[in-house]
C-alpha atoms as a PDB file:
ATOM      1  CA  MET A   1      -2.167 -94.359 -13.233  1.00  0.00           C
ATOM      2  CA  LYS A   2      -1.802 -95.064  -9.542  1.00  0.00           C
ATOM      3  CA  SER A   3      -4.835 -96.025  -7.485  1.00  0.00           C
ATOM      4  CA  VAL A   4      -4.599 -92.925  -5.291  1.00  0.00           C
ATOM      5  CA  TRP A   5      -4.827 -90.671  -8.364  1.00  0.00           C
ATOM      6  CA  ARG A   6      -7.840 -92.559  -9.704  1.00  0.00           C
ATOM      7  CA  LYS A   7      -9.627 -92.065  -6.379  1.00  0.00           C
ATOM      8  CA  HIS A   8      -8.556 -88.460  -6.344  1.00  0.00           C
ATOM      9  CA  LEU A   9      -9.994 -87.833  -9.805  1.00  0.00           C
ATOM     10  CA  LEU A  10     -13.192 -89.662  -8.884  1.00  0.00           C
ATOM     11  CA  ILE A  11     -13.674 -87.496  -5.782  1.00  0.00           C
ATOM     12  CA  CYS A  12     -12.986 -84.354  -7.825  1.00  0.00           C
ATOM     13  CA  LEU A  13     -15.561 -85.481 -10.407  1.00  0.00           C
ATOM     14  CA  VAL A  14     -18.169 -86.010  -7.683  1.00  0.00           C
ATOM     15  CA  LEU A  15     -17.430 -82.595  -6.225  1.00  0.00           C
ATOM     16  CA  GLY A  16     -17.786 -81.074  -9.679  1.00  0.00           C
ATOM     17  CA  LEU A  17     -21.110 -82.810 -10.340  1.00  0.00           C
ATOM     18  CA  LEU A  18     -22.429 -81.566  -6.984  1.00  0.00           C
ATOM     19  CA  ALA A  19     -22.199 -78.083  -8.439  1.00  0.00           C
ATOM     20  CA  ILE A  20     -25.384 -78.810 -10.408  1.00  0.00           C
ATOM     21  CA  PRO A  21     -27.701 -79.321  -7.395  1.00  0.00           C
ATOM     22  CA  VAL A  22     -25.908 -76.496  -5.585  1.00  0.00           C
ATOM     23  CA  TYR A  23     -26.760 -74.200  -8.513  1.00  0.00           C
ATOM     24  CA  PHE A  24     -30.461 -75.064  -8.333  1.00  0.00           C
ATOM     25  CA  LEU A  25     -30.376 -74.730  -4.545  1.00  0.00           C
ATOM     26  CA  ASP A  26     -28.918 -71.254  -4.974  1.00  0.00           C
ATOM     27  CA  ARG A  27     -31.687 -70.344  -7.430  1.00  0.00           C
ATOM     28  CA  ALA A  28     -34.375 -71.704  -5.117  1.00  0.00           C
ATOM     29  CA  LEU A  29     -33.140 -69.956  -1.988  1.00  0.00           C
ATOM     30  CA  LEU A  30     -31.787 -66.689  -3.390  1.00  0.00           C
ATOM     31  CA  GLY A  31     -33.493 -66.289  -6.756  1.00  0.00           C
ATOM     32  CA  GLY A  32     -36.725 -64.719  -5.504  1.00  0.00           C
ATOM     33  CA  GLY A  33     -37.157 -60.943  -5.394  1.00  0.00           C
ATOM     34  CA  GLY A  34     -38.939 -58.884  -2.787  1.00  0.00           C
ATOM     35  CA  GLY A  35     -42.209 -57.120  -3.469  1.00  0.00           C
ATOM     36  CA  GLY A  36     -43.697 -53.747  -2.674  1.00  0.00           C
ATOM     37  CA  ASN A  37     -41.494 -50.724  -2.270  1.00  0.00           C
ATOM     38  CA  TRP A  38     -38.750 -52.442  -0.246  1.00  0.00           C
ATOM     39  CA  ILE A  39     -35.224 -52.358  -1.627  1.00  0.00           C
ATOM     40  CA  THR A  40     -34.270 -55.863  -2.753  1.00  0.00           C
ATOM     41  CA  LEU A  41     -30.665 -57.007  -2.493  1.00  0.00           C
ATOM     42  CA  ASP A  42     -29.638 -59.486  -5.175  1.00  0.00           C
ATOM     43  CA  PHE A  43     -27.693 -62.372  -3.596  1.00  0.00           C
ATOM     44  CA  ARG A  44     -28.159 -64.758  -6.514  1.00  0.00           C
ATOM     45  CA  GLY A  45     -25.036 -66.827  -7.103  1.00  0.00           C
ATOM     46  CA  LEU A  46     -23.652 -66.385  -3.599  1.00  0.00           C
ATOM     47  CA  ILE A  47     -24.035 -70.054  -2.618  1.00  0.00           C
ATOM     48  CA  PHE A  48     -23.043 -71.379  -6.050  1.00  0.00           C
ATOM     49  CA  TRP A  49     -19.899 -69.304  -6.503  1.00  0.00           C
ATOM     50  CA  THR A  50     -18.841 -69.852  -2.908  1.00  0.00           C
ATOM     51  CA  TYR A  51     -19.089 -73.595  -3.520  1.00  0.00           C
ATOM     52  CA  ILE A  52     -17.168 -73.343  -6.825  1.00  0.00           C
ATOM     53  CA  THR A  53     -14.403 -71.344  -5.125  1.00  0.00           C
ATOM     54  CA  LEU A  54     -14.248 -73.835  -2.281  1.00  0.00           C
ATOM     55  CA  VAL A  55     -14.020 -76.774  -4.712  1.00  0.00           C
ATOM     56  CA  ALA A  56     -11.273 -75.046  -6.696  1.00  0.00           C
ATOM     57  CA  ILE A  57      -9.236 -74.538  -3.519  1.00  0.00           C
ATOM     58  CA  GLN A  58     -10.004 -78.086  -2.410  1.00  0.00           C
ATOM     59  CA  VAL A  59      -8.831 -79.622  -5.699  1.00  0.00           C
ATOM     60  CA  THR A  60      -5.645 -77.540  -5.693  1.00  0.00           C
ATOM     61  CA  VAL A  61      -4.767 -78.295  -2.063  1.00  0.00           C
ATOM     62  CA  SER A  62      -5.577 -82.018  -2.343  1.00  0.00           C
ATOM     63  CA  SER A  63      -3.582 -82.396  -5.568  1.00  0.00           C
ATOM     64  CA  ILE A  64      -0.532 -80.840  -3.920  1.00  0.00           C
ATOM     65  CA  ALA A  65      -1.039 -83.033  -0.843  1.00  0.00           C
ATOM     66  CA  ILE A  66      -1.185 -86.211  -2.954  1.00  0.00           C
ATOM     67  CA  LEU A  67       2.060 -85.254  -4.660  1.00  0.00           C
ATOM     68  CA  ILE A  68       3.720 -84.761  -1.280  1.00  0.00           C
ATOM     69  CA  PHE A  69       2.015 -87.610   0.639  1.00  0.00           C
ATOM     70  CA  PRO A  70       1.027 -90.222  -1.972  1.00  0.00           C
ATOM     71  CA  LYS A  71       0.632 -92.963   0.669  1.00  0.00           C
ATOM     72  CA  ALA A  72      -1.746 -91.062   2.928  1.00  0.00           C
ATOM     73  CA  GLY A  73      -4.839 -92.126   1.001  1.00  0.00           C
ATOM     74  CA  ALA A  74      -7.069 -90.033  -1.261  1.00  0.00           C
ATOM     75  CA  LEU A  75     -10.073 -89.923   1.064  1.00  0.00           C
ATOM     76  CA  ARG A  76      -8.010 -88.917   4.098  1.00  0.00           C
ATOM     77  CA  ILE A  77      -6.228 -86.254   2.067  1.00  0.00           C
ATOM     78  CA  HIS A  78      -9.523 -84.824   0.788  1.00  0.00           C
ATOM     79  CA  LEU A  79     -11.002 -84.662   4.282  1.00  0.00           C
ATOM     80  CA  GLY A  80      -7.964 -82.788   5.556  1.00  0.00           C
ATOM     81  CA  SER A  81      -7.876 -80.590   2.476  1.00  0.00           C
ATOM     82  CA  MET A  82     -11.528 -79.684   2.994  1.00  0.00           C
ATOM     83  CA  VAL A  83     -10.757 -78.236   6.407  1.00  0.00           C
ATOM     84  CA  ILE A  84      -7.762 -76.352   5.041  1.00  0.00           C
ATOM     85  CA  SER A  85      -9.826 -75.089   2.092  1.00  0.00           C
ATOM     86  CA  VAL A  86     -12.511 -73.663   4.386  1.00  0.00           C
ATOM     87  CA  ILE A  87      -9.839 -71.916   6.459  1.00  0.00           C
ATOM     88  CA  LEU A  88      -8.198 -70.510   3.320  1.00  0.00           C
ATOM     89  CA  LEU A  89     -11.549 -69.355   1.937  1.00  0.00           C
ATOM     90  CA  VAL A  90     -12.538 -67.570   5.142  1.00  0.00           C
ATOM     91  CA  THR A  91      -9.068 -66.050   5.516  1.00  0.00           C
ATOM     92  CA  GLY A  92      -9.058 -64.901   1.898  1.00  0.00           C
ATOM     93  CA  ALA A  93     -12.545 -63.377   2.143  1.00  0.00           C
ATOM     94  CA  THR A  94     -11.581 -61.565   5.354  1.00  0.00           C
ATOM     95  CA  ALA A  95      -8.348 -60.257   3.834  1.00  0.00           C
ATOM     96  CA  TYR A  96     -10.194 -59.145   0.688  1.00  0.00           C
ATOM     97  CA  GLY A  97     -12.766 -57.312   2.793  1.00  0.00           C
ATOM     98  CA  LYS A  98     -10.077 -55.468   4.727  1.00  0.00           C
ATOM     99  CA  LEU A  99      -8.174 -54.565   1.550  1.00  0.00           C
ATOM    100  CA  ARG A 100     -11.402 -53.409  -0.080  1.00  0.00           C
ATOM    101  CA  ARG A 101     -12.276 -51.193   2.875  1.00  0.00           C
ATOM    102  CA  LEU A 102      -8.725 -49.819   2.879  1.00  0.00           C
ATOM    103  CA  ALA A 103      -8.965 -49.032  -0.850  1.00  0.00           C
ATOM    104  CA  ILE A 104     -12.318 -47.290  -0.360  1.00  0.00           C
ATOM    105  CA  SER A 105     -10.901 -45.312   2.566  1.00  0.00           C
ATOM    106  CA  ASN A 106      -7.861 -44.252   0.542  1.00  0.00           C
ATOM    107  CA  GLU A 107     -10.081 -43.277  -2.383  1.00  0.00           C
ATOM    108  CA  TYR A 108     -12.281 -41.210  -0.090  1.00  0.00           C
ATOM    109  CA  GLN A 109      -9.283 -39.485   1.487  1.00  0.00           C
ATOM    110  CA  ALA A 110      -7.934 -38.653  -1.979  1.00  0.00           C
ATOM    111  CA  LEU A 111     -11.331 -37.248  -2.982  1.00  0.00           C
ATOM    112  CA  MET A 112     -11.510 -35.074   0.131  1.00  0.00           C
ATOM    113  CA  ALA A 113      -7.951 -33.838  -0.421  1.00  0.00           C
ATOM    114  CA  SER A 114      -8.757 -32.900  -4.035  1.00  0.00           C
ATOM    115  CA  ARG A 115     -11.869 -30.992  -2.891  1.00  0.00           C
ATOM    116  CA  ARG A 116     -10.121 -29.023  -0.160  1.00  0.00           C
ATOM    117  CA  PRO A 117      -8.936 -26.158  -2.451  1.00  0.00           C
ATOM    118  CA  LEU A 118     -12.585 -25.635  -3.532  1.00  0.00           C
ATOM    119  CA  MET A 119     -13.920 -25.172   0.016  1.00  0.00           C
ATOM    120  CA  ASN A 120     -13.776 -21.362  -0.091  1.00  0.00           C
ATOM    121  CA  ALA A 121     -14.588 -20.916  -3.777  1.00  0.00           C
ATOM    122  CA  ILE A 122     -17.902 -19.297  -2.734  1.00  0.00           C
ATOM    123  CA  GLU A 123     -18.103 -16.725   0.042  1.00  0.00           C
ATOM    124  CA  LEU A 124     -21.396 -15.525   1.476  1.00  0.00           C
ATOM    125  CA  LYS A 125     -20.639 -12.036   2.785  1.00  0.00           C
ATOM    126  CA  GLU A 126     -24.136 -11.186   3.999  1.00  0.00           C
ATOM    127  CA  TRP A 127     -27.806 -11.787   3.346  1.00  0.00           C
ATOM    128  CA  SER A 128     -31.021  -9.978   4.088  1.00  0.00           C
ATOM    129  CA  TYR A 129     -34.793 -10.160   3.787  1.00  0.00           C
ATOM    130  CA  PHE A 130     -36.474  -7.827   1.299  1.00  0.00           C
ATOM    131  CA  PRO A 131     -38.339  -5.588   1.824  1.00  0.00           C
ATOM    132  CA  ASP A 132     -38.223  -6.563   5.520  1.00  0.00           C
ATOM    133  CA  GLU A 133     -38.024  -9.564   7.795  1.00  0.00           C
ATOM    134  CA  SER A 134     -41.701  -9.468   8.757  1.00  0.00           C
ATOM    135  CA  HIS A 135     -43.150  -9.776   5.252  1.00  0.00           C
ATOM    136  CA  PRO A 136     -40.299 -10.816   2.935  1.00  0.00           C
ATOM    137  CA  THR A 137     -40.778 -11.420  -0.757  1.00  0.00           C
ATOM    138  CA  GLU A 138     -37.093 -12.033  -1.477  1.00  0.00           C
ATOM    139  CA  ILE A 139     -33.849 -12.993   0.155  1.00  0.00           C
ATOM    140  CA  ARG A 140     -30.852 -11.156  -1.231  1.00  0.00           C
ATOM    141  CA  VAL A 141     -27.312 -12.445  -0.797  1.00  0.00           C
ATOM    142  CA  SER A 142     -23.990 -10.700  -1.271  1.00  0.00           C
ATOM    143  CA  VAL A 143     -21.509 -13.183  -2.700  1.00  0.00           C
ATOM    144  CA  VAL A 144     -17.882 -13.327  -3.775  1.00  0.00           C
ATOM    145  CA  VAL A 145     -16.764 -16.173  -6.042  1.00  0.00           C
ATOM    146  CA  HIS A 146     -13.100 -17.063  -6.430  1.00  0.00           C
ATOM    147  CA  GLN A 147     -13.536 -19.082  -9.602  1.00  0.00           C
ATOM    148  CA  SER A 148     -15.310 -18.359 -12.853  1.00  0.00           C
ATOM    149  CA  GLY A 149     -18.343 -20.367 -13.818  1.00  0.00           C
ATOM    150  CA  ARG A 150     -22.128 -20.534 -13.787  1.00  0.00           C
ATOM    151  CA  PHE A 151     -23.702 -19.369 -10.539  1.00  0.00           C
ATOM    152  CA  ALA A 152     -27.002 -20.608  -9.110  1.00  0.00           C
ATOM    153  CA  GLY A 153     -28.614 -21.258  -5.750  1.00  0.00           C
ATOM    154  CA  ASN A 154     -31.694 -21.938  -3.696  1.00  0.00           C
ATOM    155  CA  VAL A 155     -33.069 -21.026  -0.284  1.00  0.00           C
ATOM    156  CA  THR A 156     -35.304 -22.853   2.169  1.00  0.00           C
ATOM    157  CA  GLY A 157     -36.628 -21.632   5.475  1.00  0.00           C
ATOM    158  CA  GLY A 158     -38.505 -23.579   8.075  1.00  0.00           C
ATOM    159  CA  GLN A 159     -39.317 -24.316  11.670  1.00  0.00           C
ATOM    160  CA  THR A 160     -37.875 -27.128  13.766  1.00  0.00           C
ATOM    161  CA  ASP A 161     -39.997 -28.277  16.703  1.00  0.00           C
ATOM    162  CA  SER A 162     -38.842 -29.823  19.981  1.00  0.00           C
ATOM    163  CA  SER A 163     -38.954 -33.338  18.495  1.00  0.00           C
ATOM    164  CA  GLY A 164     -36.659 -32.345  15.633  1.00  0.00           C
ATOM    165  CA  ASP A 165     -39.317 -32.374  12.901  1.00  0.00           C
ATOM    166  CA  PHE A 166     -38.750 -29.763  10.182  1.00  0.00           C
ATOM    167  CA  THR A 167     -41.627 -27.867   8.552  1.00  0.00           C
ATOM    168  CA  THR A 168     -40.855 -25.804   5.448  1.00  0.00           C
ATOM    169  CA  VAL A 169     -42.190 -22.256   5.689  1.00  0.00           C
ATOM    170  CA  PHE A 170     -40.822 -20.855   2.425  1.00  0.00           C
ATOM    171  CA  GLN A 171     -38.572 -21.781  -0.462  1.00  0.00           C
ATOM    172  CA  SER A 172     -37.016 -19.913  -3.350  1.00  0.00           C
ATOM    173  CA  THR A 173     -38.487 -20.083  -6.847  1.00  0.00           C
ATOM    174  CA  ASN A 174     -35.370 -19.443  -8.948  1.00  0.00           C
ATOM    175  CA  GLY A 175     -35.383 -21.273 -12.261  1.00  0.00           C
ATOM    176  CA  PRO A 176     -32.524 -22.159 -14.638  1.00  0.00           C
ATOM    177  CA  GLU A 177     -33.031 -18.860 -16.456  1.00  0.00           C
ATOM    178  CA  THR A 178     -31.844 -16.946 -13.368  1.00  0.00           C
ATOM    179  CA  GLN A 179     -28.401 -18.543 -13.407  1.00  0.00           C
ATOM    180  CA  ARG A 180     -25.584 -16.184 -14.316  1.00  0.00           C
ATOM    181  CA  GLN A 181     -22.035 -16.412 -15.581  1.00  0.00           C
ATOM    182  CA  VAL A 182     -19.512 -14.999 -13.136  1.00  0.00           C
ATOM    183  CA  ARG A 183     -15.840 -14.128 -13.302  1.00  0.00           C
ATOM    184  CA  ARG A 184     -13.076 -15.049 -10.901  1.00  0.00           C
ATOM    185  CA  ASP A 185     -13.110 -12.903  -7.720  1.00  0.00           C
ATOM    186  CA  GLU A 186     -16.354 -11.227  -8.780  1.00  0.00           C
ATOM    187  CA  ALA A 187     -18.570  -9.742  -6.051  1.00  0.00           C
ATOM    188  CA  PHE A 188     -22.295  -9.367  -6.710  1.00  0.00           C
ATOM    189  CA  THR A 189     -25.772  -9.490  -5.190  1.00  0.00           C
ATOM    190  CA  TYR A 190     -28.194 -12.263  -6.079  1.00  0.00           C
ATOM    191  CA  ALA A 191     -31.927 -12.299  -5.311  1.00  0.00           C
ATOM    192  CA  PHE A 192     -34.060 -15.309  -4.364  1.00  0.00           C
ATOM    193  CA  PRO A 193     -37.820 -14.718  -4.837  1.00  0.00           C
ATOM    194  CA  LEU A 194     -39.734 -16.567  -2.111  1.00  0.00           C
ATOM    195  CA  LYS A 195     -42.810 -18.765  -2.154  1.00  0.00           C
ATOM    196  CA  PHE A 196     -44.499 -19.298   1.205  1.00  0.00           C
ATOM    197  CA  LEU A 197     -45.875 -22.782   1.818  1.00  0.00           C
ATOM    198  CA  THR A 198     -47.273 -22.123   5.292  1.00  0.00           C
ATOM    199  CA  VAL A 199     -47.779 -19.236   7.656  1.00  0.00           C
ATOM    200  CA  GLY A 200     -45.056 -18.768  10.219  1.00  0.00           C
ATOM    201  CA  ARG A 201     -41.629 -17.419  10.972  1.00  0.00           C
ATOM    202  CA  ALA A 202     -38.634 -19.410   9.745  1.00  0.00           C
ATOM    203  CA  ASP A 203     -36.069 -20.076  12.467  1.00  0.00           C
ATOM    204  CA  ASP A 204     -33.897 -22.313  10.287  1.00  0.00           C
ATOM    205  CA  VAL A 205     -32.775 -20.764   6.988  1.00  0.00           C
ATOM    206  CA  ARG A 206     -30.480 -22.629   4.618  1.00  0.00           C
ATOM    207  CA  ILE A 207     -28.859 -20.973   1.614  1.00  0.00           C
ATOM    208  CA  THR A 208     -27.282 -23.300  -0.941  1.00  0.00           C
ATOM    209  CA  LEU A 209     -25.001 -21.749  -3.556  1.00  0.00           C
ATOM    210  CA  TYR A 210     -23.643 -23.486  -6.651  1.00  0.00           C
ATOM    211  CA  LEU A 211     -20.757 -22.732  -8.986  1.00  0.00           C
ATOM    212  CA  PHE A 212     -20.796 -24.899 -12.101  1.00  0.00           C
ATOM    213  CA  LYS A 213     -17.775 -25.169 -14.379  1.00  0.00           C
ATOM    214  CA  ALA A 214     -19.600 -26.052 -17.605  1.00  0.00           C
ATOM    215  CA  PRO A 215     -22.041 -23.748 -19.475  1.00  0.00           C
ATOM    216  CA  SER A 216     -24.725 -26.399 -18.933  1.00  0.00           C
ATOM    217  CA  GLY A 217     -25.012 -29.581 -16.928  1.00  0.00           C
ATOM    218  CA  PRO A 218     -22.747 -30.956 -14.200  1.00  0.00           C
ATOM    219  CA  ALA A 219     -18.979 -31.331 -14.572  1.00  0.00           C
ATOM    220  CA  ALA A 220     -15.932 -32.194 -12.524  1.00  0.00           C
ATOM    221  CA  GLY A 221     -14.959 -29.339 -10.234  1.00  0.00           C
ATOM    222  CA  ASP A 222     -18.503 -28.089  -9.582  1.00  0.00           C
ATOM    223  CA  VAL A 223     -18.923 -26.473  -6.169  1.00  0.00           C
ATOM    224  CA  ALA A 224     -22.031 -26.682  -3.973  1.00  0.00           C
ATOM    225  CA  LYS A 225     -21.973 -25.027  -0.554  1.00  0.00           C
ATOM    226  CA  VAL A 226     -24.728 -24.970   2.071  1.00  0.00           C
ATOM    227  CA  PHE A 227     -24.817 -22.135   4.598  1.00  0.00           C
ATOM    228  CA  MET A 228     -26.779 -23.113   7.710  1.00  0.00           C
ATOM    229  CA  ASN A 229     -27.018 -22.338  11.407  1.00  0.00           C
ATOM    230  CA  SER A 230     -24.970 -25.188  12.864  1.00  0.00           C
ATOM    231  CA  PRO A 231     -23.179 -27.292  10.254  1.00  0.00           C
ATOM    232  CA  GLN A 232     -21.882 -30.589  11.632  1.00  0.00           C
ATOM    233  CA  ARG A 233     -19.027 -30.872   9.136  1.00  0.00           C
ATOM    234  CA  ASP A 234     -17.157 -28.863   6.515  1.00  0.00           C
ATOM    235  CA  ASP A 235     -17.447 -31.322   3.633  1.00  0.00           C
ATOM    236  CA  ASP A 236     -19.337 -34.571   3.055  1.00  0.00           C
ATOM    237  CA  GLY A 237     -17.870 -35.300  -0.383  1.00  0.00           C
ATOM    238  CA  GLU A 238     -20.816 -33.721  -2.215  1.00  0.00           C
ATOM    239  CA  TYR A 239     -21.576 -30.487  -0.402  1.00  0.00           C
ATOM    240  CA  PHE A 240     -19.404 -28.011   1.458  1.00  0.00           C
ATOM    241  CA  TYR A 241     -20.893 -26.431   4.583  1.00  0.00           C
ATOM    242  CA  GLY A 242     -20.485 -23.006   6.124  1.00  0.00           C
ATOM    243  CA  VAL A 243     -21.984 -21.075   9.014  1.00  0.00           C
ATOM    244  CA  LEU A 244     -24.898 -18.859   8.026  1.00  0.00           C
ATOM    245  CA  PRO A 245     -24.361 -15.348   9.417  1.00  0.00           C
ATOM    246  CA  ALA A 246     -27.200 -13.418  11.008  1.00  0.00           C
ATOM    247  CA  PRO A 247     -29.358 -11.557   8.478  1.00  0.00           C
ATOM    248  CA  SER A 248     -28.363  -7.991   7.687  1.00  0.00           C
ATOM    249  CA  ARG A 249     -30.780  -5.303   8.915  1.00  0.00           C
ATOM    250  CA  LYS A 250     -30.553  -3.208   5.732  1.00  0.00           C
END
C-alpha cells in the first residue's frame, strides 16, 4: 500500500472517531427540551448528522482526488477536499430546500385544483332571525346542496370593536342529533337554536355549513363552507368561503 493511501486512511479514521465527541456535543447542546407551555422544536441530531454527511462527502471527494492526483499529498488533498465538501453540502442543502418547497407548492396546487369542483356544493339562498331580529331565538337558513351527504352547521354572532377584538354575542346549540341526510340538489330550511353569551347586537354573523360524505365521521370529499361579511379568500384548503347575504326580513 502506498504511503499516500496509508495517510489517507489514517485521516479518514480520525475523522470517523471524531464523530463520537460530536455526538455527545450534539446531545449536550440540542438534547434539552423546553419547559412550560412553549412549543419545543426537536433539533437533536442536527449537528451529528451534518458532521456525518460532511465526512462522507469529504472521504468520497478525497479518495477520488488521490486517485487522480496521487503525488499531491494526502494532507493537502484533504484540506482542499474539506473546502469542496462544505461547498457541496451547502449547495445540496439549498437545492434540496428549493425542490422541497417546489414539491409542497405543487402538492398544494393539486389539492386546490381537486377542491375547486366542490366550491359551490352548498348554496346559502337566504337566512333570517326567528321570530325577529330584536329578540331572536333561532337563525333559519334556506340551503340548496348539490351533492348528497350528511348536512350539519353552526352559527356564531359577535361584535368587533375598533381595535379588531371580537366578542361572541351568541352561538348555535345544534348537536350531532340535528344532522340530516340530504339528497343531491335538495332545497330545504335548517334551524339553528341560539344561546346568548352576552347582551348586545351582533354585527358580525358567520354561518358555517358542512356536507359530509360518510354516514359518520370525516371522509375525503367533505365540504365545509363559511359564509361571512367580507371573506378574504375563496378557499384555504380546509374551508370554502362565501359572502353572507343580508338577513331576510320575513
